[in-house]
């Protein structure tokens, strides 16, 4: 299993690392441990390409990708991100993405 890699990151793309309880913004070239448990979320004005589990996933605005181990779950959301509400925003998307693997 290769690393999880980000390219073509535009705008605010949030990454929530459930194993380390850490939240940060993605950037071009960011690489993550494939054995982690991550939620990647685009906002109303962002996008990114994520290479994970041997495939490239294009995340447009209002998208999420759950990546961890050899599993990927992606979908759309309709939640507007406001910086001060980041934890609540991510909690709602985690619920959409299926909770714990």
Protein backbone atom coordinates (compact mmCIF):
# COMPACT_ATOMS: atom_id res chain seq x y z
CA UNK A 1 0.00 0.00 0.00
CA UNK A 2 1.46 3.35 -1.07
CA UNK A 3 1.18 6.67 0.64
CA UNK A 4 -1.91 8.87 0.34
CA UNK A 5 -0.82 11.84 -1.78
CA UNK A 6 -2.47 15.19 -2.60
CA UNK A 7 -2.11 17.15 -5.84
CA UNK A 8 -3.95 20.07 -7.47
CA UNK A 9 -5.14 21.36 -4.10
CA UNK A 10 -7.21 24.53 -4.52
CA UNK A 11 -8.65 26.46 -1.58
CA UNK A 12 -9.34 25.04 1.89
CA UNK A 13 -9.17 21.24 1.92
CA UNK A 14 -9.48 19.91 5.48
CA UNK A 15 -7.87 16.69 6.70
CA UNK A 16 -9.00 15.12 9.97
CA UNK A 17 -6.70 12.37 11.30
CA UNK A 18 -8.86 10.29 13.64
CA UNK A 19 -5.97 8.17 14.95
CA UNK A 20 -3.92 11.20 16.03
CA UNK A 21 -6.89 13.49 16.75
CA UNK A 22 -5.31 16.11 14.52
CA UNK A 23 -6.83 18.50 11.97
CA UNK A 24 -4.93 20.38 9.28
CA UNK A 25 -5.18 21.81 5.76
CA UNK A 26 -4.01 19.79 2.78
CA UNK A 27 -1.47 21.20 0.32
CA UNK A 28 0.11 20.03 -2.92
CA UNK A 29 2.58 17.23 -2.23
CA UNK A 30 1.14 16.34 1.20
CA UNK A 31 1.65 12.64 1.90
CA UNK A 32 -0.14 10.66 4.61
CA UNK A 33 0.47 7.22 6.13
CA UNK A 34 -1.83 4.77 4.33
CA UNK A 35 -2.60 2.96 7.60
CA UNK A 36 -4.13 6.06 9.16
CA UNK A 37 -7.84 6.86 9.37
CA UNK A 38 -8.47 10.11 7.54
CA UNK A 39 -11.37 12.23 6.46
CA UNK A 40 -10.59 14.67 3.64
CA UNK A 41 -13.24 17.34 3.06
CA UNK A 42 -13.56 20.06 0.46
CA UNK A 43 -15.54 23.17 1.22
CA UNK A 44 -17.87 25.22 -0.93
CA UNK A 45 -14.89 26.73 -2.82
CA UNK A 46 -12.15 24.08 -2.84
CA UNK A 47 -11.00 20.95 -4.66
CA UNK A 48 -8.16 18.42 -4.72
CA UNK A 49 -6.97 15.23 -6.36
CA UNK A 50 -6.12 12.47 -3.88
CA UNK A 51 -4.08 9.42 -4.87
CA UNK A 52 -4.86 6.56 -2.47
CA UNK A 53 -5.25 2.78 -2.66
CA UNK A 54 -3.93 2.75 -6.21
CA UNK A 55 -6.43 5.20 -7.65
CA UNK A 56 -6.88 8.93 -8.14
CA UNK A 57 -10.03 10.50 -6.68
CA UNK A 58 -11.06 13.99 -7.81
CA UNK A 59 -12.76 15.91 -5.03
CA UNK A 60 -14.75 18.90 -6.25
CA UNK A 61 -16.52 21.40 -3.98
CA UNK A 62 -18.72 19.89 -1.25
CA UNK A 63 -17.00 16.47 -1.35
CA UNK A 64 -15.45 14.10 1.14
CA UNK A 65 -13.12 11.13 1.03
CA UNK A 66 -12.60 8.67 3.86
CA UNK A 67 -9.24 6.93 3.47
CA UNK A 68 -7.63 4.33 5.68
CA UNK A 69 -6.08 0.91 5.24
CA UNK A 70 -7.19 -0.31 1.83
CA UNK A 71 -10.65 1.28 2.07
CA UNK A 72 -11.98 4.39 0.39
CA UNK A 73 -15.42 5.94 0.84
CA UNK A 74 -16.26 9.12 -1.00
CA UNK A 75 -19.36 11.20 -1.45
CA UNK A 76 -20.92 14.64 -1.44
CA UNK A 77 -22.15 16.85 1.37
CA UNK A 78 -24.14 20.09 1.46
CA UNK A 79 -22.66 21.70 4.57
CA UNK A 80 -21.15 25.18 4.35
CA UNK A 81 -17.84 25.38 6.23
CA UNK A 82 -17.29 28.25 8.65
CA UNK A 83 -13.83 28.25 10.27
CA UNK A 84 -15.06 28.75 13.83
CA UNK A 85 -17.35 25.71 13.46
CA UNK A 86 -14.70 23.32 12.10
CA UNK A 87 -15.10 20.60 14.75
CA UNK A 88 -18.89 20.44 14.34
CA UNK A 89 -18.53 20.54 10.54
CA UNK A 90 -16.10 17.60 10.59
CA UNK A 91 -18.30 15.63 13.02
CA UNK A 92 -21.23 15.91 10.61
CA UNK A 93 -19.11 14.72 7.69
CA UNK A 94 -17.69 11.79 9.76
CA UNK A 95 -21.30 10.70 10.31
CA UNK A 96 -21.90 10.79 6.54
CA UNK A 97 -18.69 8.83 5.93
CA UNK A 98 -19.70 5.96 8.20
CA UNK A 99 -18.03 6.57 11.56
CA UNK A 100 -15.25 4.17 12.53
CA UNK A 101 -13.79 1.58 10.17
